[in-house]
Amino acid sequence: MLSTATSHDTATSFWPPLKLARGKLETHRAFPHAFIRSSLFSSRKFSGEAVRDVAAEDNPIIIRTLSNYELVQVAGERLDQGDCDVYMWLLNRAYQRGLAGKPEARIFFTREEAISERGRSRGTKMFRLFHESLMRLYKADIIYKTPYANGRTRLISSIEEPTPTNKKKYDYEVIISAKVGDFFHENDFRILKNEERAKLKDYLSKWLHAFYSSHRNPIKYKCDLIKRLTDRGDTPERIWREKLQSALANVKEATGWLACEVMQEDGEPPKIHVIKGERQFPKKDAGESRIDGGESES
């Protein structure tokens, strides 16, 4: 297990380039495998009476991951797929504006840009939810170990809002912590199709879509493993199975994958069976065949 005594590394880090076709990030979003293949961004929706866990040095949140990653959250509230959408947007906005090779990811934007570019309707509620996500991301502090790096980092190191008296043309100045670039080294990321993710409304569907999109040829993972990775470990089995089957059907409809279902063979625990195969509707650009991200488990 990672030690919570791990300190922040102050050495200068530089963001790696993403080897993608020109314009790819206009229709896709790049996101680290360590974030996609773990419970860092929970599939739970924390609303109503649902209470988010709060991490502390002496009471960390142990993040469930696939075996080649280790993550521990030592500060901040539990993150969810809504926070994931915001963080994806921030990272990709930074890369679209020439982040590669720089030591700092500094982004300026208005509230309207943040909402409209993520396909949301503008309004007071959306502005409030976006701001709350930003603050959760800002407070989150994680210790990590990947195949290519280890350390400790905040997800966002600084958020600045203009004062009422200044005349700046943006609402936020956000700096993404430099060490987050560690998660993109050696192409250890996947790109997700904006159009597909936008069709998915519930958080479990979003999580499953990202996870299985990160595998070129998905193996049949046990339902129990996926249950832990989605942060649904304490959900009663009957309810979990119903939600899982519904979410898989949503993913299949959004992606056009050939198979996306729970299967159980004689004497074996239930597993999730995903076959991507040929899409069932035409691609917009058949020429987009360059690198889609890092190597994935198969």
C-alpha atoms as a PDB file:
ATOM      1  CA  MET A   1       0.000   0.000   0.000  1.00  0.00           C
ATOM      2  CA  LEU A   2       1.213   3.521  -0.740  1.00  0.00           C
ATOM      3  CA  SER A   3       2.401   5.522   2.261  1.00  0.00           C
ATOM      4  CA  THR A   4       0.408   8.627   3.200  1.00  0.00           C
ATOM      5  CA  ALA A   5       3.727  10.112   4.344  1.00  0.00           C
ATOM      6  CA  THR A   6       4.656  10.711   0.701  1.00  0.00           C
ATOM      7  CA  SER A   7       5.437  14.383   0.231  1.00  0.00           C
ATOM      8  CA  HIS A   8       4.844  16.688  -2.732  1.00  0.00           C
ATOM      9  CA  ASP A   9       7.717  16.765  -5.233  1.00  0.00           C
ATOM     10  CA  THR A  10       8.743  20.344  -6.012  1.00  0.00           C
ATOM     11  CA  ALA A  11      10.985  19.437  -8.965  1.00  0.00           C
ATOM     12  CA  THR A  12       9.954  21.006 -12.277  1.00  0.00           C
ATOM     13  CA  SER A  13       7.893  18.676 -14.484  1.00  0.00           C
ATOM     14  CA  PHE A  14       7.056  19.100 -18.150  1.00  0.00           C
ATOM     15  CA  TRP A  15       3.850  17.971 -19.821  1.00  0.00           C
ATOM     16  CA  PRO A  16       4.458  15.251 -22.447  1.00  0.00           C
ATOM     17  CA  PRO A  17       3.153  15.639 -26.015  1.00  0.00           C
ATOM     18  CA  LEU A  18       0.138  13.612 -27.130  1.00  0.00           C
ATOM     19  CA  LYS A  19       0.774  11.748 -30.375  1.00  0.00           C
ATOM     20  CA  LEU A  20      -2.593  12.373 -31.945  1.00  0.00           C
ATOM     21  CA  ALA A  21      -3.878  13.322 -35.373  1.00  0.00           C
ATOM     22  CA  ARG A  22      -4.320  17.045 -35.895  1.00  0.00           C
ATOM     23  CA  GLY A  23      -7.701  18.195 -34.644  1.00  0.00           C
ATOM     24  CA  LYS A  24      -8.373  14.953 -32.749  1.00  0.00           C
ATOM     25  CA  LEU A  25      -9.090  16.755 -29.479  1.00  0.00           C
ATOM     26  CA  GLU A  26     -11.873  18.712 -31.133  1.00  0.00           C
ATOM     27  CA  THR A  27     -14.049  15.577 -31.123  1.00  0.00           C
ATOM     28  CA  HIS A  28     -12.341  13.482 -28.444  1.00  0.00           C
ATOM     29  CA  ARG A  29     -10.945  13.920 -24.946  1.00  0.00           C
ATOM     30  CA  ALA A  30      -7.651  12.429 -23.735  1.00  0.00           C
ATOM     31  CA  PHE A  31      -7.660  11.035 -20.190  1.00  0.00           C
ATOM     32  CA  PRO A  32      -5.124   8.939 -18.220  1.00  0.00           C
ATOM     33  CA  HIS A  33      -5.646   5.199 -17.892  1.00  0.00           C
ATOM     34  CA  ALA A  34      -5.013   5.501 -14.145  1.00  0.00           C
ATOM     35  CA  PHE A  35      -8.113   7.696 -13.810  1.00  0.00           C
ATOM     36  CA  ILE A  36     -10.284   5.636 -16.170  1.00  0.00           C
ATOM     37  CA  ARG A  37      -9.337   2.208 -14.804  1.00  0.00           C
ATOM     38  CA  SER A  38     -10.006   3.017 -11.172  1.00  0.00           C
ATOM     39  CA  SER A  39     -12.603   4.288  -8.732  1.00  0.00           C
ATOM     40  CA  LEU A  40     -10.974   7.744  -8.435  1.00  0.00           C
ATOM     41  CA  PHE A  41     -14.048   9.205 -10.144  1.00  0.00           C
ATOM     42  CA  SER A  42     -16.886   7.227  -8.588  1.00  0.00           C
ATOM     43  CA  SER A  43     -19.861   5.990 -10.608  1.00  0.00           C
ATOM     44  CA  ARG A  44     -22.136   7.000  -7.725  1.00  0.00           C
ATOM     45  CA  LYS A  45     -24.256  10.133  -7.996  1.00  0.00           C
ATOM     46  CA  PHE A  46     -23.969  12.049  -4.739  1.00  0.00           C
ATOM     47  CA  SER A  47     -27.276  13.861  -4.472  1.00  0.00           C
ATOM     48  CA  GLY A  48     -30.130  13.961  -2.008  1.00  0.00           C
ATOM     49  CA  GLU A  49     -29.114  12.100   1.149  1.00  0.00           C
ATOM     50  CA  ALA A  50     -25.995  10.570  -0.401  1.00  0.00           C
ATOM     51  CA  VAL A  51     -22.904  11.706   1.506  1.00  0.00           C
ATOM     52  CA  ARG A  52     -19.458  11.973  -0.029  1.00  0.00           C
ATOM     53  CA  ASP A  53     -16.547  10.477   1.878  1.00  0.00           C
ATOM     54  CA  VAL A  54     -13.909  13.031   2.860  1.00  0.00           C
ATOM     55  CA  ALA A  55     -10.266  11.963   2.750  1.00  0.00           C
ATOM     56  CA  ALA A  56      -7.651  12.917   5.332  1.00  0.00           C
ATOM     57  CA  GLU A  57      -4.023  11.975   6.003  1.00  0.00           C
ATOM     58  CA  ASP A  58      -5.099   9.696   8.853  1.00  0.00           C
ATOM     59  CA  ASN A  59      -8.224   8.470   7.067  1.00  0.00           C
ATOM     60  CA  PRO A  60      -7.449   8.210   3.331  1.00  0.00           C
ATOM     61  CA  ILE A  61      -9.770   6.977   0.606  1.00  0.00           C
ATOM     62  CA  ILE A  62      -8.258   3.821  -0.890  1.00  0.00           C
ATOM     63  CA  ILE A  63      -8.934   3.996  -4.611  1.00  0.00           C
ATOM     64  CA  ARG A  64      -9.653   0.647  -6.269  1.00  0.00           C
ATOM     65  CA  THR A  65      -7.568   0.201  -9.423  1.00  0.00           C
ATOM     66  CA  LEU A  66      -6.383  -2.384 -11.897  1.00  0.00           C
ATOM     67  CA  SER A  67      -3.195  -4.060 -10.714  1.00  0.00           C
ATOM     68  CA  ASN A  68      -0.712  -1.843 -12.580  1.00  0.00           C
ATOM     69  CA  TYR A  69      -1.849   1.342 -10.789  1.00  0.00           C
ATOM     70  CA  GLU A  70      -2.026   2.439  -7.152  1.00  0.00           C
ATOM     71  CA  LEU A  71      -3.949   5.519  -5.996  1.00  0.00           C
ATOM     72  CA  VAL A  72      -4.773   6.872  -2.552  1.00  0.00           C
ATOM     73  CA  GLN A  73      -6.722  10.078  -1.943  1.00  0.00           C
ATOM     74  CA  VAL A  74      -5.465  11.865   1.180  1.00  0.00           C
ATOM     75  CA  ALA A  75      -7.461  15.109   1.039  1.00  0.00           C
ATOM     76  CA  GLY A  76     -10.715  16.374  -0.391  1.00  0.00           C
ATOM     77  CA  GLU A  77     -14.171  14.962  -0.983  1.00  0.00           C
ATOM     78  CA  ARG A  78     -14.902  11.855  -3.007  1.00  0.00           C
ATOM     79  CA  LEU A  79     -15.003  12.675  -6.728  1.00  0.00           C
ATOM     80  CA  ASP A  80     -17.657  11.487  -9.191  1.00  0.00           C
ATOM     81  CA  GLN A  81     -18.288  11.342 -12.942  1.00  0.00           C
ATOM     82  CA  GLY A  82     -19.558  14.923 -12.975  1.00  0.00           C
ATOM     83  CA  ASP A  83     -16.163  16.001 -11.630  1.00  0.00           C
ATOM     84  CA  CYS A  84     -14.569  13.700 -14.203  1.00  0.00           C
ATOM     85  CA  ASP A  85     -16.330  15.549 -17.051  1.00  0.00           C
ATOM     86  CA  VAL A  86     -15.025  18.879 -15.745  1.00  0.00           C
ATOM     87  CA  TYR A  87     -11.458  17.590 -15.334  1.00  0.00           C
ATOM     88  CA  MET A  88     -11.434  16.030 -18.807  1.00  0.00           C
ATOM     89  CA  TRP A  89     -12.511  19.369 -20.221  1.00  0.00           C
ATOM     90  CA  LEU A  90      -9.808  21.268 -18.338  1.00  0.00           C
ATOM     91  CA  LEU A  91      -7.016  18.908 -19.405  1.00  0.00           C
ATOM     92  CA  ASN A  92      -8.021  18.906 -23.039  1.00  0.00           C
ATOM     93  CA  ARG A  93      -8.522  22.666 -23.164  1.00  0.00           C
ATOM     94  CA  ALA A  94      -4.957  23.006 -21.875  1.00  0.00           C
ATOM     95  CA  TYR A  95      -3.562  20.603 -24.495  1.00  0.00           C
ATOM     96  CA  GLN A  96      -5.500  22.267 -27.299  1.00  0.00           C
ATOM     97  CA  ARG A  97      -3.805  25.534 -26.353  1.00  0.00           C
ATOM     98  CA  GLY A  98      -0.256  24.211 -26.567  1.00  0.00           C
ATOM     99  CA  LEU A  99       0.437  22.579 -23.203  1.00  0.00           C
ATOM    100  CA  ALA A 100       2.987  19.963 -24.406  1.00  0.00           C
ATOM    101  CA  GLY A 101       6.524  20.687 -23.224  1.00  0.00           C
ATOM    102  CA  LYS A 102       5.481  23.349 -20.733  1.00  0.00           C
ATOM    103  CA  PRO A 103       5.935  23.119 -16.953  1.00  0.00           C
ATOM    104  CA  GLU A 104       2.595  24.700 -16.172  1.00  0.00           C
ATOM    105  CA  ALA A 105      -0.985  24.209 -17.358  1.00  0.00           C
ATOM    106  CA  ARG A 106      -2.574  27.640 -16.916  1.00  0.00           C
ATOM    107  CA  ILE A 107      -6.092  28.043 -18.344  1.00  0.00           C
ATOM    108  CA  PHE A 108      -8.348  31.096 -18.597  1.00  0.00           C
ATOM    109  CA  PHE A 109     -12.058  30.796 -19.339  1.00  0.00           C
ATOM    110  CA  THR A 110     -15.524  32.159 -18.689  1.00  0.00           C
ATOM    111  CA  ARG A 111     -18.341  30.273 -16.992  1.00  0.00           C
ATOM    112  CA  GLU A 112     -20.264  30.317 -20.274  1.00  0.00           C
ATOM    113  CA  GLU A 113     -17.380  28.644 -22.120  1.00  0.00           C
ATOM    114  CA  ALA A 114     -17.058  25.970 -19.452  1.00  0.00           C
ATOM    115  CA  ILE A 115     -20.743  25.123 -19.693  1.00  0.00           C
ATOM    116  CA  SER A 116     -21.338  25.376 -23.454  1.00  0.00           C
ATOM    117  CA  GLU A 117     -18.155  23.532 -24.500  1.00  0.00           C
ATOM    118  CA  ARG A 118     -19.274  20.571 -22.403  1.00  0.00           C
ATOM    119  CA  GLY A 119     -22.700  20.558 -24.049  1.00  0.00           C
ATOM    120  CA  ARG A 120     -24.624  21.790 -21.014  1.00  0.00           C
ATOM    121  CA  SER A 121     -27.394  24.389 -20.840  1.00  0.00           C
ATOM    122  CA  ARG A 122     -26.405  27.681 -19.281  1.00  0.00           C
ATOM    123  CA  GLY A 123     -28.068  28.740 -16.070  1.00  0.00           C
ATOM    124  CA  THR A 124     -27.521  29.521 -12.411  1.00  0.00           C
ATOM    125  CA  LYS A 125     -27.722  25.854 -11.354  1.00  0.00           C
ATOM    126  CA  MET A 126     -25.153  24.727 -13.947  1.00  0.00           C
ATOM    127  CA  PHE A 127     -22.782  27.535 -12.970  1.00  0.00           C
ATOM    128  CA  ARG A 128     -23.087  26.495  -9.322  1.00  0.00           C
ATOM    129  CA  LEU A 129     -22.507  22.786 -10.049  1.00  0.00           C
ATOM    130  CA  PHE A 130     -19.486  23.622 -12.192  1.00  0.00           C
ATOM    131  CA  HIS A 131     -17.970  25.778  -9.461  1.00  0.00           C
ATOM    132  CA  GLU A 132     -18.554  23.052  -6.861  1.00  0.00           C
ATOM    133  CA  SER A 133     -16.778  20.518  -9.101  1.00  0.00           C
ATOM    134  CA  LEU A 134     -13.838  22.884  -9.531  1.00  0.00           C
ATOM    135  CA  MET A 135     -13.517  23.245  -5.765  1.00  0.00           C
ATOM    136  CA  ARG A 136     -13.624  19.471  -5.204  1.00  0.00           C
ATOM    137  CA  LEU A 137     -10.920  18.990  -7.826  1.00  0.00           C
ATOM    138  CA  TYR A 138      -8.866  21.756  -6.229  1.00  0.00           C
ATOM    139  CA  LYS A 139      -9.031  20.149  -2.768  1.00  0.00           C
ATOM    140  CA  ALA A 140      -8.332  16.585  -3.970  1.00  0.00           C
ATOM    141  CA  ASP A 141      -4.805  15.381  -3.143  1.00  0.00           C
ATOM    142  CA  ILE A 142      -3.640  11.964  -4.348  1.00  0.00           C
ATOM    143  CA  ILE A 143      -0.634   9.706  -3.915  1.00  0.00           C
ATOM    144  CA  TYR A 144       0.034   7.554  -6.955  1.00  0.00           C
ATOM    145  CA  LYS A 145       2.153   4.866  -8.534  1.00  0.00           C
ATOM    146  CA  THR A 146       1.914   4.062 -12.251  1.00  0.00           C
ATOM    147  CA  PRO A 147       4.166   1.935 -14.482  1.00  0.00           C
ATOM    148  CA  TYR A 148       6.076   5.120 -15.369  1.00  0.00           C
ATOM    149  CA  ALA A 149       5.971   7.444 -12.356  1.00  0.00           C
ATOM    150  CA  ASN A 150       5.094   7.813  -8.696  1.00  0.00           C
ATOM    151  CA  GLY A 151       4.544  10.727  -6.356  1.00  0.00           C
ATOM    152  CA  ARG A 152       1.914  12.940  -4.851  1.00  0.00           C
ATOM    153  CA  THR A 153      -0.127  15.717  -6.427  1.00  0.00           C
ATOM    154  CA  ARG A 154      -3.177  17.898  -6.216  1.00  0.00           C
ATOM    155  CA  LEU A 155      -5.368  17.725  -9.316  1.00  0.00           C
ATOM    156  CA  ILE A 156      -5.637  21.526  -9.459  1.00  0.00           C
ATOM    157  CA  SER A 157      -2.999  23.665  -7.758  1.00  0.00           C
ATOM    158  CA  SER A 158      -4.641  27.076  -8.081  1.00  0.00           C
ATOM    159  CA  ILE A 159      -8.011  28.692  -8.837  1.00  0.00           C
ATOM    160  CA  GLU A 160      -8.340  32.441  -9.165  1.00  0.00           C
ATOM    161  CA  GLU A 161     -11.509  34.402  -9.811  1.00  0.00           C
ATOM    162  CA  PRO A 162     -11.336  38.068 -10.856  1.00  0.00           C
ATOM    163  CA  THR A 163     -12.443  40.550  -8.232  1.00  0.00           C
ATOM    164  CA  PRO A 164     -15.569  42.637  -8.950  1.00  0.00           C
ATOM    165  CA  THR A 165     -13.404  45.719  -9.563  1.00  0.00           C
ATOM    166  CA  ASN A 166     -11.128  44.344 -12.279  1.00  0.00           C
ATOM    167  CA  LYS A 167     -12.030  44.197 -15.956  1.00  0.00           C
ATOM    168  CA  LYS A 168     -10.574  40.850 -16.991  1.00  0.00           C
ATOM    169  CA  LYS A 169     -12.539  39.007 -19.658  1.00  0.00           C
ATOM    170  CA  TYR A 170     -12.588  35.653 -17.892  1.00  0.00           C
ATOM    171  CA  ASP A 171     -14.226  34.184 -14.794  1.00  0.00           C
ATOM    172  CA  TYR A 172     -11.523  31.689 -13.836  1.00  0.00           C
ATOM    173  CA  GLU A 173      -7.778  31.275 -14.023  1.00  0.00           C
ATOM    174  CA  VAL A 174      -6.976  27.634 -13.244  1.00  0.00           C
ATOM    175  CA  ILE A 175      -3.571  25.992 -12.943  1.00  0.00           C
ATOM    176  CA  ILE A 176      -3.553  22.206 -13.278  1.00  0.00           C
ATOM    177  CA  SER A 177      -0.864  20.668 -11.073  1.00  0.00           C
ATOM    178  CA  ALA A 178       2.273  19.949 -13.095  1.00  0.00           C
ATOM    179  CA  LYS A 179       2.698  16.429 -11.699  1.00  0.00           C
ATOM    180  CA  VAL A 180      -0.583  15.375 -13.341  1.00  0.00           C
ATOM    181  CA  GLY A 181       1.499  15.253 -16.516  1.00  0.00           C
ATOM    182  CA  ASP A 182       3.067  12.081 -15.073  1.00  0.00           C
ATOM    183  CA  PHE A 183      -0.134  10.234 -15.891  1.00  0.00           C
ATOM    184  CA  PHE A 184       0.259  10.935 -19.620  1.00  0.00           C
ATOM    185  CA  HIS A 185       3.839   9.661 -19.966  1.00  0.00           C
ATOM    186  CA  GLU A 186       4.549   6.813 -22.399  1.00  0.00           C
ATOM    187  CA  ASN A 187       1.099   7.247 -23.978  1.00  0.00           C
ATOM    188  CA  ASP A 188      -0.520   5.908 -20.814  1.00  0.00           C
ATOM    189  CA  PHE A 189      -3.871   7.420 -21.726  1.00  0.00           C
ATOM    190  CA  ARG A 190      -6.898   6.849 -23.926  1.00  0.00           C
ATOM    191  CA  ILE A 191      -9.015   9.213 -25.946  1.00  0.00           C
ATOM    192  CA  LEU A 192     -12.775   9.107 -25.482  1.00  0.00           C
ATOM    193  CA  LYS A 193     -15.272  10.116 -28.116  1.00  0.00           C
ATOM    194  CA  ASN A 194     -17.208  13.203 -27.003  1.00  0.00           C
ATOM    195  CA  GLU A 195     -20.294  12.268 -29.015  1.00  0.00           C
ATOM    196  CA  GLU A 196     -20.625   8.869 -27.328  1.00  0.00           C
ATOM    197  CA  ARG A 197     -20.048  10.092 -23.770  1.00  0.00           C
ATOM    198  CA  ALA A 198     -22.541  12.935 -24.267  1.00  0.00           C
ATOM    199  CA  LYS A 199     -25.286  10.397 -24.969  1.00  0.00           C
ATOM    200  CA  LEU A 200     -24.798   8.771 -21.564  1.00  0.00           C
ATOM    201  CA  LYS A 201     -26.645  10.445 -18.712  1.00  0.00           C
ATOM    202  CA  ASP A 202     -26.171   8.142 -15.724  1.00  0.00           C
ATOM    203  CA  TYR A 203     -22.793   7.938 -14.009  1.00  0.00           C
ATOM    204  CA  LEU A 204     -22.408   4.156 -14.122  1.00  0.00           C
ATOM    205  CA  SER A 205     -22.838   4.212 -17.922  1.00  0.00           C
ATOM    206  CA  LYS A 206     -20.223   6.972 -18.173  1.00  0.00           C
ATOM    207  CA  TRP A 207     -17.757   5.003 -16.068  1.00  0.00           C
ATOM    208  CA  LEU A 208     -18.272   1.776 -18.031  1.00  0.00           C
ATOM    209  CA  HIS A 209     -17.944   3.598 -21.356  1.00  0.00           C
ATOM    210  CA  ALA A 210     -14.610   5.138 -20.345  1.00  0.00           C
ATOM    211  CA  PHE A 211     -13.271   1.884 -18.892  1.00  0.00           C
ATOM    212  CA  TYR A 212     -14.103  -0.309 -21.872  1.00  0.00           C
ATOM    213  CA  SER A 213     -13.107   2.398 -24.355  1.00  0.00           C
ATOM    214  CA  SER A 214      -9.644   2.192 -22.780  1.00  0.00           C
ATOM    215  CA  HIS A 215      -9.263  -1.433 -23.950  1.00  0.00           C
ATOM    216  CA  ARG A 216      -8.743  -2.279 -27.607  1.00  0.00           C
ATOM    217  CA  ASN A 217      -9.840  -5.868 -27.037  1.00  0.00           C
ATOM    218  CA  PRO A 218     -11.597  -6.094 -23.651  1.00  0.00           C
ATOM    219  CA  ILE A 219     -11.201  -9.273 -21.672  1.00  0.00           C
ATOM    220  CA  LYS A 220     -14.138 -10.670 -19.715  1.00  0.00           C
ATOM    221  CA  TYR A 221     -13.768  -8.964 -16.359  1.00  0.00           C
ATOM    222  CA  LYS A 222     -15.656 -10.430 -13.415  1.00  0.00           C
ATOM    223  CA  CYS A 223     -18.689  -8.424 -12.342  1.00  0.00           C
ATOM    224  CA  ASP A 224     -17.330  -8.357  -8.780  1.00  0.00           C
ATOM    225  CA  LEU A 225     -14.143  -6.623  -9.941  1.00  0.00           C
ATOM    226  CA  ILE A 226     -16.085  -4.016 -11.906  1.00  0.00           C
ATOM    227  CA  LYS A 227     -18.341  -3.504  -8.900  1.00  0.00           C
ATOM    228  CA  ARG A 228     -15.322  -2.542  -6.774  1.00  0.00           C
ATOM    229  CA  LEU A 229     -13.732  -0.396  -9.489  1.00  0.00           C
ATOM    230  CA  THR A 230     -16.952   1.592  -9.923  1.00  0.00           C
ATOM    231  CA  ASP A 231     -17.149   2.289  -6.158  1.00  0.00           C
ATOM    232  CA  ARG A 232     -20.311   0.205  -5.809  1.00  0.00           C
ATOM    233  CA  GLY A 233     -18.958  -2.353  -3.365  1.00  0.00           C
ATOM    234  CA  ASP A 234     -21.713  -1.878  -0.780  1.00  0.00           C
ATOM    235  CA  THR A 235     -24.607  -1.908  -3.268  1.00  0.00           C
ATOM    236  CA  PRO A 236     -26.909  -4.936  -2.714  1.00  0.00           C
ATOM    237  CA  GLU A 237     -26.212  -7.558  -5.366  1.00  0.00           C
ATOM    238  CA  ARG A 238     -29.686  -7.563  -6.893  1.00  0.00           C
ATOM    239  CA  ILE A 239     -29.716  -3.781  -7.291  1.00  0.00           C
ATOM    240  CA  TRP A 240     -26.153  -3.793  -8.602  1.00  0.00           C
ATOM    241  CA  ARG A 241     -26.976  -6.379 -11.267  1.00  0.00           C
ATOM    242  CA  GLU A 242     -30.041  -4.427 -12.411  1.00  0.00           C
ATOM    243  CA  LYS A 243     -28.098  -1.153 -12.651  1.00  0.00           C
ATOM    244  CA  LEU A 244     -25.179  -2.874 -14.365  1.00  0.00           C
ATOM    245  CA  GLN A 245     -27.324  -4.497 -17.043  1.00  0.00           C
ATOM    246  CA  SER A 246     -29.166  -1.235 -17.697  1.00  0.00           C
ATOM    247  CA  ALA A 247     -25.903   0.733 -17.934  1.00  0.00           C
ATOM    248  CA  LEU A 248     -24.333  -1.810 -20.303  1.00  0.00           C
ATOM    249  CA  ALA A 249     -27.378  -1.539 -22.560  1.00  0.00           C
ATOM    250  CA  ASN A 250     -26.963   2.245 -22.566  1.00  0.00           C
ATOM    251  CA  VAL A 251     -23.303   1.943 -23.534  1.00  0.00           C
ATOM    252  CA  LYS A 252     -24.101  -0.490 -26.331  1.00  0.00           C
ATOM    253  CA  GLU A 253     -26.724   1.862 -27.751  1.00  0.00           C
ATOM    254  CA  ALA A 254     -24.423   4.894 -27.545  1.00  0.00           C
ATOM    255  CA  THR A 255     -21.398   3.187 -29.123  1.00  0.00           C
ATOM    256  CA  GLY A 256     -22.843   0.644 -31.519  1.00  0.00           C
ATOM    257  CA  TRP A 257     -20.602  -2.059 -30.016  1.00  0.00           C
ATOM    258  CA  LEU A 258     -21.627  -5.571 -31.036  1.00  0.00           C
ATOM    259  CA  ALA A 259     -21.879  -6.952 -27.497  1.00  0.00           C
ATOM    260  CA  CYS A 260     -22.075  -5.331 -24.076  1.00  0.00           C
ATOM    261  CA  GLU A 261     -23.687  -7.648 -21.554  1.00  0.00           C
ATOM    262  CA  VAL A 262     -23.345  -9.870 -18.498  1.00  0.00           C
ATOM    263  CA  MET A 263     -22.617 -13.524 -19.227  1.00  0.00           C
ATOM    264  CA  GLN A 264     -22.300 -16.526 -16.917  1.00  0.00           C
ATOM    265  CA  GLU A 265     -20.872 -19.857 -17.975  1.00  0.00           C
ATOM    266  CA  ASP A 266     -21.391 -23.092 -16.049  1.00  0.00           C
ATOM    267  CA  GLY A 267     -19.518 -23.059 -12.751  1.00  0.00           C
ATOM    268  CA  GLU A 268     -18.030 -19.611 -13.419  1.00  0.00           C
ATOM    269  CA  PRO A 269     -18.775 -16.268 -11.734  1.00  0.00           C
ATOM    270  CA  PRO A 270     -20.649 -13.749 -13.911  1.00  0.00           C
ATOM    271  CA  LYS A 271     -18.468 -11.680 -16.220  1.00  0.00           C
ATOM    272  CA  ILE A 272     -18.974  -8.700 -18.500  1.00  0.00           C
ATOM    273  CA  HIS A 273     -18.676  -9.514 -22.163  1.00  0.00           C
ATOM    274  CA  VAL A 274     -17.821  -6.625 -24.514  1.00  0.00           C
ATOM    275  CA  ILE A 275     -17.136  -6.919 -28.238  1.00  0.00           C
ATOM    276  CA  LYS A 276     -16.478  -3.706 -30.079  1.00  0.00           C
ATOM    277  CA  GLY A 277     -16.299  -5.049 -33.637  1.00  0.00           C
ATOM    278  CA  GLU A 278     -17.559  -2.916 -36.491  1.00  0.00           C
ATOM    279  CA  ARG A 279     -19.678   0.087 -35.657  1.00  0.00           C
ATOM    280  CA  GLN A 280     -23.310  -0.102 -36.693  1.00  0.00           C
ATOM    281  CA  PHE A 281     -23.407   3.424 -38.069  1.00  0.00           C
ATOM    282  CA  PRO A 282     -20.971   5.163 -40.452  1.00  0.00           C
ATOM    283  CA  LYS A 283     -17.833   6.871 -39.212  1.00  0.00           C
ATOM    284  CA  LYS A 284     -17.602  10.580 -39.863  1.00  0.00           C
ATOM    285  CA  ASP A 285     -13.974  10.353 -40.943  1.00  0.00           C
ATOM    286  CA  ALA A 286     -12.561   7.046 -42.076  1.00  0.00           C
ATOM    287  CA  GLY A 287      -9.109   8.608 -42.308  1.00  0.00           C
ATOM    288  CA  GLU A 288      -8.648   9.020 -38.546  1.00  0.00           C
ATOM    289  CA  SER A 289      -6.399   6.033 -37.944  1.00  0.00           C
ATOM    290  CA  ARG A 290      -3.461   7.454 -36.017  1.00  0.00           C
ATOM    291  CA  ILE A 291      -2.620   6.745 -32.396  1.00  0.00           C
ATOM    292  CA  ASP A 292      -5.614   6.874 -30.029  1.00  0.00           C
ATOM    293  CA  GLY A 293      -3.600   6.706 -26.847  1.00  0.00           C
ATOM    294  CA  GLY A 294      -1.380   4.373 -24.898  1.00  0.00           C
ATOM    295  CA  GLU A 295      -1.241   0.613 -24.888  1.00  0.00           C
ATOM    296  CA  SER A 296      -4.149  -0.993 -23.095  1.00  0.00           C
ATOM    297  CA  GLU A 297      -4.612  -4.295 -21.352  1.00  0.00           C
ATOM    298  CA  SER A 298      -6.258  -6.978 -23.403  1.00  0.00           C
END
